[in-house]
Structures are given as C-alpha cells and as structure tokens.
C-alpha cells in the first residue's frame, strides 16, 4: 500500500475512534437527563396543579415515565455490556430512538397542558420548556444534531402556538424564546465543534506517540525489535518466567559468512538477506516469544515456558528454513545457532544470553549451519 493509502486508512481509523469517543461521552454526561426531565415535568404539574387538567397531567406523567424507563433500560444495557460492544453502529440508532420519543412526549405533553386563558401558566410552561432546551446543550453537546432535535421537539409546539395567539404579550414571549434559542443553537455548534476537535487532537497525539514509540523500539531494516527493545522485553520475560518457575530458552543466531556477502555482492544484497531473515523469524515464533536483531547479522530469540528439547527442535527448523531461502544474487545462505536454557543453571538474562552466545561460537567452530546446545 502506498503512503497515500496508509494515510487514508489512518485518518479513517482516527475518525472511528473520535466517533466512539463522542458516543462514550454522550452516555456519560446524559444519564442525569432521564431523571431531570421527569423531575421537571413533576415540578411543573405541582406548581400548576390547580390550573391544569388533572387527567391530562396524569396521562403525561405516566407516558413520560414509560419513556424514561425505556431510557434507563438502554443505559443499563450500555453499562453492563463490555467495551468492545459499545460501538456507534450498535448504540447511536438506539439512543436516537429513545431521545426522540422522550422529547416528543415532553413537548406534546407541555402543549397539551398549555391553558388558553391563563397567562401565568403559559409563562410557567414556557419557562420549563426553555429550561429543558438549555439542559439539552449540556447533555447532548457532543452531538449537535441531537441537541437541535431535542430542543425543537420540546420548544416548538408551545412556541408556535403562542405565535398565532392574538395577545401581543403571547407573541412577544414566543419571539423572545425563538431569539434566545438562536443564541443557544449558535453556542451548541461551537461547543460541539470544540469537543470534536479535542477528541480528534487527543487521538492524533496518541497515535503519534504510539508511532514514535514503535519506531524507537523497531529495527528499521528487518521490522524486528532492536537491541534496546529486545532487552527491555527480555528482562520482563525473564522475571515473569522466574516468578512462575517456568523454563526460559535463549537462541543466539548469526548468519554465516555475512561479511563475504557484503564484500562480494554489496550492502544492498546484504540488507535484502537481513530483511528476509527478519521475515522468517517473525513468522516462526509465537506471540509470547521475544525476538529481535541485536546488530549486524546477529539475532536473538527468547522462548518462555519451553523445554530445551522443544527449543532445539525449533532451532533446527529455523536452520532449515534459512538454508531454503533464495535471495538473488546470493545463494547458499546458512546460519549458526547457539541454544541455552535457565533449566541448566540459575542465570540472569545477560548470563543466559552469554551462555547461548558461547554455544553459538561452538556451532561455528563445528562447521556452521547447525545448532549447538550449551554444555
């Protein structure tokens, strides 16, 4: 894949992360909205108990209670499910449905309660609907569209009704609400954009840090761990095996006659050989194994919880795999391997590696292209 394709993949991955971050933020900051909206409805009915139709109030509170329970069920499912299942594809649609249903019931109920001849009650109803719309900004700020939809469903029924009333005061209240709402809409857009930029910047910084960390730990030529990363991971693995009383085997590998390859065919041919060796090593070992290029044509592998006999069989297979490589114009590639295990004696990591290195030199002294086990 070319650089442009990789860049597009990375941008798409970051966008997916930002979308997931927005969803997580939405669930974290909007849980209180369920109880807040129902509490606001109860308070409105209590304040105007003698002014509203009791049957309409009761129906409204019951229906709103059912939609609130539906939202509580959704939040309960969200908090119970594992993080891997908290995806926008699974939850955004469900959230939209419960939000639209709840906001519609709230706005329709307020409109149904709106008295035709009681100015004080009308102002109280509008006060509560405006309060609900303002709370939507803080609860759904990461989703601008959710904020606007919920505000519209709660505010518009009563506001539009006031606009067509004959009283200048009623029309004035409606116009004031619309003007106020326009400022809220503008603030919502800025807040939503700022949050999305913050999420994106955070993810971009995390990715840049991950790339720089990986680059500092990776051998550029082979893609394996470099010497520093190998020993950092190796010390952790050694401590883990010692704590769990598991055997740890070390393989030291050196390409045979590598200087002759560089001198005869040039360094580009030598680099190509090393890249191929890196590919063989990366596909020959387990995820728990630690392997890397220590420098030049020297490689090392640590095999946790592996017996000396099993490690020897793995090393023999590696020798055969390297001998079967073809890297034009180089022919007849071979490697020598030294093998040591913590089962033999209690060593630290450096002692284990030195023992394997001595076995490696013995393999070379015995004729190369073979595995020698530490004695």
Protein backbone atom coordinates (compact mmCIF):
# COMPACT_ATOMS: atom_id res chain seq x y z
CA UNK A 1 0.00 0.00 0.00
CA UNK A 2 1.37 3.46 -0.88
CA UNK A 3 1.77 6.33 1.57
CA UNK A 4 -1.49 7.96 0.49
CA UNK A 5 -3.42 4.75 1.11
CA UNK A 6 -1.86 4.31 4.55
CA UNK A 7 -2.65 7.91 5.40
CA UNK A 8 -6.28 7.46 4.39
CA UNK A 9 -6.53 4.29 6.48
CA UNK A 10 -5.05 6.10 9.48
CA UNK A 11 -7.44 9.04 9.04
CA UNK A 12 -10.37 6.63 8.81
CA UNK A 13 -9.22 4.82 11.94
CA UNK A 14 -8.95 8.10 13.86
CA UNK A 15 -12.42 9.13 12.68
CA UNK A 16 -13.83 5.86 14.01
CA UNK A 17 -12.09 6.46 17.33
CA UNK A 18 -13.46 10.01 17.51
CA UNK A 19 -16.95 8.74 16.78
CA UNK A 20 -16.63 6.17 19.57
CA UNK A 21 -15.28 8.83 21.96
CA UNK A 22 -18.30 11.03 21.23
CA UNK A 23 -20.66 8.16 21.96
CA UNK A 24 -18.94 7.34 25.26
CA UNK A 25 -19.08 10.99 26.27
CA UNK A 26 -22.77 11.14 25.35
CA UNK A 27 -23.65 8.24 27.64
CA UNK A 28 -21.51 9.59 30.48
CA UNK A 29 -22.94 13.10 30.50
CA UNK A 30 -26.59 12.47 29.63
CA UNK A 31 -27.60 9.86 32.21
CA UNK A 32 -28.88 12.55 34.57
CA UNK A 33 -31.12 13.93 31.82
CA UNK A 34 -33.52 10.99 32.28
CA UNK A 35 -34.33 11.93 35.85
CA UNK A 36 -34.02 15.66 35.23
CA UNK A 37 -36.66 15.68 32.51
CA UNK A 38 -39.12 13.67 34.58
CA UNK A 39 -38.45 15.79 37.68
CA UNK A 40 -39.09 18.95 35.65
CA UNK A 41 -42.44 17.55 34.49
CA UNK A 42 -43.42 16.68 38.06
CA UNK A 43 -42.45 20.15 39.30
CA UNK A 44 -44.45 21.83 36.53
CA UNK A 45 -47.53 19.78 37.38
CA UNK A 46 -47.09 20.51 41.09
CA UNK A 47 -46.78 24.26 40.55
CA UNK A 48 -49.85 24.36 38.33
CA UNK A 49 -51.89 21.61 39.98
CA UNK A 50 -54.89 23.87 40.39
CA UNK A 51 -54.56 25.34 36.89
CA UNK A 52 -54.10 22.24 34.67
CA UNK A 53 -56.39 19.41 33.71
CA UNK A 54 -55.59 16.61 36.16
CA UNK A 55 -56.35 13.80 33.73
CA UNK A 56 -54.02 15.30 31.12
CA UNK A 57 -51.29 15.68 33.73
CA UNK A 58 -51.58 12.09 34.88
CA UNK A 59 -51.53 10.72 31.33
CA UNK A 60 -48.50 12.87 30.55
CA UNK A 61 -46.60 11.76 33.64
CA UNK A 62 -47.39 8.09 33.03
CA UNK A 63 -46.33 8.16 29.37
CA UNK A 64 -43.23 10.20 30.20
CA UNK A 65 -42.44 7.71 32.96
CA UNK A 66 -42.61 4.84 30.49
CA UNK A 67 -40.24 6.57 28.07
CA UNK A 68 -37.90 7.31 31.00
CA UNK A 69 -37.88 3.63 31.97
CA UNK A 70 -37.07 2.77 28.37
CA UNK A 71 -34.08 5.09 28.51
CA UNK A 72 -33.00 3.68 31.88
CA UNK A 73 -33.09 0.21 30.32
CA UNK A 74 -30.89 1.41 27.47
CA UNK A 75 -28.36 2.94 29.85
CA UNK A 76 -28.35 -0.21 31.98
CA UNK A 77 -27.62 -2.32 28.91
CA UNK A 78 -24.85 0.07 27.94
CA UNK A 79 -23.07 -0.02 31.30
CA UNK A 80 -23.37 -3.81 31.51
CA UNK A 81 -22.02 -4.62 28.06
CA UNK A 82 -18.24 -4.94 27.50
CA UNK A 83 -16.30 -2.05 25.98
CA UNK A 84 -15.81 -3.98 22.75
CA UNK A 85 -19.57 -3.87 22.14
CA UNK A 86 -20.02 -0.16 22.86
CA UNK A 87 -19.84 0.79 19.19
CA UNK A 88 -21.61 3.67 17.42
CA UNK A 89 -23.09 1.21 14.91
CA UNK A 90 -24.88 -0.59 17.72
CA UNK A 91 -25.88 2.26 20.05
CA UNK A 92 -26.34 5.53 18.13
CA UNK A 93 -29.60 4.48 16.48
CA UNK A 94 -30.99 3.14 19.75
CA UNK A 95 -30.10 6.36 21.54
CA UNK A 96 -31.72 8.45 18.81
CA UNK A 97 -34.98 6.49 19.09
CA UNK A 98 -35.26 6.88 22.87
CA UNK A 99 -34.26 10.55 22.74
CA UNK A 100 -36.77 11.48 20.04
CA UNK A 101 -39.51 9.55 21.81
CA UNK A 102 -38.82 11.20 25.16
CA UNK A 103 -38.51 14.74 23.72
CA UNK A 104 -41.69 14.30 21.67
CA UNK A 105 -43.64 13.19 24.74
CA UNK A 106 -42.29 16.12 26.74
CA UNK A 107 -43.09 18.72 24.09
CA UNK A 108 -46.51 17.27 23.27
CA UNK A 109 -47.41 16.99 26.96
CA UNK A 110 -46.43 20.60 27.65
CA UNK A 111 -48.53 21.71 24.68
CA UNK A 112 -51.50 19.64 25.88
CA UNK A 113 -51.28 21.27 29.31
CA UNK A 114 -50.96 24.82 27.93
CA UNK A 115 -54.10 26.72 29.08
CA UNK A 116 -55.71 29.07 26.59
CA UNK A 117 -56.61 31.85 29.01
CA UNK A 118 -54.09 31.70 31.86
CA UNK A 119 -51.09 33.91 31.09
CA UNK A 120 -49.17 32.96 34.23
CA UNK A 121 -49.47 29.24 33.49
CA UNK A 122 -48.41 29.84 29.89
CA UNK A 123 -45.29 31.66 31.08
CA UNK A 124 -44.52 28.83 33.51
CA UNK A 125 -44.88 26.24 30.77
CA UNK A 126 -42.58 28.23 28.50
CA UNK A 127 -40.09 28.68 31.34
CA UNK A 128 -39.86 24.93 31.83
CA UNK A 129 -39.61 24.17 28.10
CA UNK A 130 -36.80 26.71 27.74
CA UNK A 131 -35.07 25.14 30.75
CA UNK A 132 -35.37 21.71 29.13
CA UNK A 133 -33.86 23.02 25.90
CA UNK A 134 -30.93 24.61 27.74
CA UNK A 135 -30.25 21.37 29.62
CA UNK A 136 -30.10 19.59 26.26
CA UNK A 137 -26.99 21.62 25.42
CA UNK A 138 -25.08 20.24 28.40
CA UNK A 139 -26.40 16.69 28.00
CA UNK A 140 -26.03 16.19 24.23
CA UNK A 141 -23.29 18.71 23.39
CA UNK A 142 -21.10 16.12 21.64
CA UNK A 143 -23.93 15.51 19.16
CA UNK A 144 -25.11 18.84 17.79
CA UNK A 145 -27.92 17.21 15.81
CA UNK A 146 -29.30 15.56 18.96
CA UNK A 147 -29.27 18.88 20.78
CA UNK A 148 -31.14 20.67 17.99
CA UNK A 149 -33.71 17.90 17.53
CA UNK A 150 -34.48 17.61 21.24
CA UNK A 151 -34.76 21.39 21.57
CA UNK A 152 -37.11 21.59 18.60
CA UNK A 153 -39.38 18.80 19.80
CA UNK A 154 -39.67 20.34 23.28
CA UNK A 155 -39.90 24.03 22.36
CA UNK A 156 -41.70 24.31 19.04
CA UNK A 157 -45.21 23.03 19.87
CA UNK A 158 -45.85 25.64 22.59
CA UNK A 159 -43.82 28.39 20.88
CA UNK A 160 -45.63 28.09 17.55
CA UNK A 161 -48.96 28.07 19.34
CA UNK A 162 -48.09 31.33 21.12
CA UNK A 163 -47.05 32.93 17.84
CA UNK A 164 -50.57 32.65 16.44
CA UNK A 165 -52.31 33.99 19.55
CA UNK A 166 -53.96 37.43 19.42
CA UNK A 167 -52.24 38.84 22.50
CA UNK A 168 -49.05 40.89 21.86
CA UNK A 169 -47.63 39.54 25.12
CA UNK A 170 -48.03 35.93 23.97
CA UNK A 171 -46.45 36.69 20.61
CA UNK A 172 -43.67 38.59 22.36
CA UNK A 173 -42.92 35.63 24.62
CA UNK A 174 -42.76 33.34 21.61
CA UNK A 175 -40.43 35.69 19.75
CA UNK A 176 -38.21 36.04 22.82
CA UNK A 177 -37.98 32.26 23.09
CA UNK A 178 -37.03 31.96 19.41
CA UNK A 179 -34.38 34.68 19.70
CA UNK A 180 -32.95 33.04 22.82
CA UNK A 181 -32.98 29.69 21.07
CA UNK A 182 -31.00 31.08 18.15
CA UNK A 183 -28.18 32.04 20.52
CA UNK A 184 -28.32 28.60 22.09
CA UNK A 185 -28.11 26.98 18.64
CA UNK A 186 -25.02 29.04 17.81
CA UNK A 187 -23.39 28.14 21.12
CA UNK A 188 -24.25 24.48 20.54
CA UNK A 189 -22.46 24.45 17.20
CA UNK A 190 -19.31 25.99 18.66
CA UNK A 191 -19.32 23.65 21.66
CA UNK A 192 -19.87 20.57 19.53
CA UNK A 193 -17.09 21.56 17.12
CA UNK A 194 -14.71 22.25 20.01
CA UNK A 195 -15.39 18.88 21.62
CA UNK A 196 -14.92 17.02 18.34
CA UNK A 197 -11.63 18.82 17.70
CA UNK A 198 -10.49 17.95 21.21
CA UNK A 199 -11.32 14.28 20.70
CA UNK A 200 -9.55 14.24 17.32
CA UNK A 201 -6.47 16.02 18.65
CA UNK A 202 -6.23 13.58 21.57
CA UNK A 203 -6.41 10.58 19.25
CA UNK A 204 -3.88 12.08 16.83
CA UNK A 205 -1.46 12.71 19.70
CA UNK A 206 -1.94 9.15 20.98
CA UNK A 207 -1.28 7.76 17.51
CA UNK A 208 1.80 9.94 17.03
CA UNK A 209 3.13 8.80 20.41
CA UNK A 210 2.46 5.17 19.50
CA UNK A 211 4.24 5.55 16.15
CA UNK A 212 7.25 7.28 17.71
CA UNK A 213 7.46 4.67 20.47
CA UNK A 214 7.28 1.84 17.96
CA UNK A 215 9.90 3.49 15.76
CA UNK A 216 12.24 3.80 18.75
CA UNK A 217 11.84 0.09 19.50
CA UNK A 218 11.93 -1.33 15.98
CA UNK A 219 14.85 -2.25 13.78
CA UNK A 220 14.21 -0.27 10.62
CA UNK A 221 15.68 -2.87 8.27
CA UNK A 222 14.02 -6.07 9.48
CA UNK A 223 10.96 -4.81 11.35
CA UNK A 224 12.00 -6.82 14.43
CA UNK A 225 12.75 -5.41 17.87
CA UNK A 226 16.02 -3.53 18.07
CA UNK A 227 18.63 -4.31 20.72
CA UNK A 228 17.22 -1.90 23.31
CA UNK A 229 13.64 -3.12 22.97
CA UNK A 230 14.73 -6.76 22.96
CA UNK A 231 16.50 -6.46 26.31
CA UNK A 232 13.69 -4.35 27.82
CA UNK A 233 11.15 -7.03 26.92
CA UNK A 234 13.63 -9.78 27.71
CA UNK A 235 14.16 -8.64 31.30
CA UNK A 236 10.39 -8.57 31.86
CA UNK A 237 10.02 -12.03 30.35
CA UNK A 238 12.91 -13.41 32.41
CA UNK A 239 11.37 -12.05 35.64
CA UNK A 240 7.99 -13.49 34.69
CA UNK A 241 9.38 -16.96 33.98
CA UNK A 242 11.39 -16.93 37.18
CA UNK A 243 8.34 -15.86 39.22
CA UNK A 244 6.20 -18.59 37.65
CA UNK A 245 9.05 -21.12 37.82
CA UNK A 246 8.93 -21.73 34.08
CA UNK A 247 11.92 -22.58 31.89
CA UNK A 248 13.24 -19.93 29.52
CA UNK A 249 15.36 -20.79 26.48
CA UNK A 250 17.58 -18.36 24.60
CA UNK A 251 18.60 -18.66 20.94
CA UNK A 252 21.52 -16.68 19.55
CA UNK A 253 21.76 -16.74 15.76
CA UNK A 254 24.44 -15.41 13.43
CA UNK A 255 24.47 -15.51 9.62
CA UNK A 256 27.40 -17.49 8.25
CA UNK A 257 29.96 -15.64 6.08
CA UNK A 258 27.84 -12.49 6.04
CA UNK A 259 30.85 -10.22 5.53
CA UNK A 260 31.63 -12.12 2.34
CA UNK A 261 28.09 -11.43 1.08
CA UNK A 262 28.56 -7.69 1.59
CA UNK A 263 32.04 -7.71 0.08
CA UNK A 264 31.01 -9.79 -2.96
CA UNK A 265 27.52 -8.57 -3.75
CA UNK A 266 27.32 -5.22 -1.98
CA UNK A 267 25.48 -3.92 1.04
CA UNK A 268 22.13 -3.76 -0.75
CA UNK A 269 22.25 -7.51 -1.27
CA UNK A 270 23.24 -7.94 2.38
CA UNK A 271 20.32 -5.78 3.51
CA UNK A 272 17.94 -7.84 1.39
CA UNK A 273 19.21 -11.01 3.08
CA UNK A 274 18.65 -9.48 6.51
CA UNK A 275 15.12 -8.44 5.56
CA UNK A 276 14.36 -12.00 4.51
CA UNK A 277 15.80 -13.35 7.74
CA UNK A 278 13.60 -10.92 9.66
CA UNK A 279 10.58 -12.23 7.79
CA UNK A 280 11.46 -15.84 8.59
CA UNK A 281 11.93 -15.06 12.28
CA UNK A 282 8.72 -13.02 12.61
CA UNK A 283 6.66 -15.90 11.17
CA UNK A 284 8.44 -18.72 13.00
CA UNK A 285 7.71 -17.85 16.62
CA UNK A 286 4.78 -17.38 18.97
CA UNK A 287 3.24 -14.13 20.10
CA UNK A 288 4.66 -14.63 23.62
CA UNK A 289 8.21 -15.14 22.33
CA UNK A 290 10.63 -12.20 22.29
CA UNK A 291 12.87 -11.84 19.26
CA UNK A 292 14.94 -9.12 17.68
CA UNK A 293 18.03 -8.04 15.81
CA UNK A 294 20.89 -7.25 18.16
CA UNK A 295 23.06 -5.70 15.50
CA UNK A 296 24.72 -6.56 12.19
CA UNK A 297 23.81 -10.13 11.25
CA UNK A 298 23.16 -11.21 14.86
CA UNK A 299 19.64 -12.13 16.04
CA UNK A 300 18.26 -13.42 19.36
CA UNK A 301 15.11 -15.20 20.48
CA UNK A 302 13.68 -15.91 23.94
CA UNK A 303 11.27 -18.84 24.28
CA UNK A 304 9.27 -18.82 27.55
CA UNK A 305 7.85 -21.98 29.09
CA UNK A 306 9.73 -24.10 26.54
CA UNK A 307 11.79 -27.18 27.26
CA UNK A 308 15.33 -27.46 25.94
CA UNK A 309 14.30 -30.35 23.69
CA UNK A 310 11.43 -28.36 22.13
CA UNK A 311 13.64 -25.30 21.68
CA UNK A 312 16.26 -27.46 19.96
CA UNK A 313 13.67 -28.77 17.50
CA UNK A 314 12.52 -25.19 16.79
CA UNK A 315 16.11 -24.07 16.22
CA UNK A 316 16.71 -26.95 13.79
CA UNK A 317 13.62 -25.93 11.81
CA UNK A 318 14.89 -22.35 11.69
CA UNK A 319 18.25 -23.51 10.32
CA UNK A 320 16.47 -25.46 7.58
CA UNK A 321 14.18 -22.52 6.74
CA UNK A 322 17.14 -20.18 6.31
CA UNK A 323 19.02 -22.74 4.21
CA UNK A 324 15.99 -22.87 1.92
CA UNK A 325 15.97 -19.12 1.24
CA UNK A 326 16.84 -17.77 -2.17
CA UNK A 327 17.96 -14.15 -2.32
CA UNK A 328 19.39 -13.29 -5.75
CA UNK A 329 22.27 -12.95 -6.40
CA UNK A 330 23.18 -14.59 -3.08
CA UNK A 331 22.99 -18.37 -2.88
CA UNK A 332 23.63 -20.90 -0.16
CA UNK A 333 22.52 -18.90 2.86
CA UNK A 334 23.22 -20.58 6.19
CA UNK A 335 23.11 -19.62 9.85
CA UNK A 336 24.60 -20.92 13.09
CA UNK A 337 22.58 -21.04 16.31
CA UNK A 338 23.51 -21.33 19.97
CA UNK A 339 20.92 -22.53 22.50
CA UNK A 340 20.83 -22.23 26.29
CA UNK A 341 18.17 -22.69 28.97
CA UNK A 342 17.62 -21.48 32.52
CA UNK A 343 16.99 -25.11 33.40
CA UNK A 344 20.71 -25.76 33.27
CA UNK A 345 21.66 -23.28 35.99
CA UNK A 346 20.27 -20.19 37.69
CA UNK A 347 21.38 -17.28 35.49
CA UNK A 348 20.24 -13.71 34.97
CA UNK A 349 19.23 -12.67 31.46
CA UNK A 350 22.69 -11.47 30.48
CA UNK A 351 24.22 -14.67 31.82
CA UNK A 352 21.71 -16.73 29.84
CA UNK A 353 22.47 -14.78 26.67
CA UNK A 354 26.23 -15.13 27.19
CA UNK A 355 25.82 -18.89 27.59
CA UNK A 356 23.82 -19.06 24.35
CA UNK A 357 26.46 -16.89 22.66
CA UNK A 358 29.21 -19.33 23.67
CA UNK A 359 27.14 -22.15 22.20
CA UNK A 360 26.83 -20.11 19.01
CA UNK A 361 30.60 -19.84 18.67
CA UNK A 362 30.87 -23.58 19.25
CA UNK A 363 28.36 -24.13 16.38
CA UNK A 364 30.60 -22.05 14.12
CA UNK A 365 33.69 -23.92 15.25
CA UNK A 366 31.98 -27.23 14.46
CA UNK A 367 31.41 -26.19 10.85
CA UNK A 368 28.50 -23.70 10.87
CA UNK A 369 24.93 -24.24 9.57
CA UNK A 370 23.90 -26.06 12.74
CA UNK A 371 22.60 -25.73 16.29
CA UNK A 372 24.84 -26.11 19.32
CA UNK A 373 23.37 -26.55 22.80
CA UNK A 374 25.15 -25.01 25.79
CA UNK A 375 27.01 -27.61 27.81
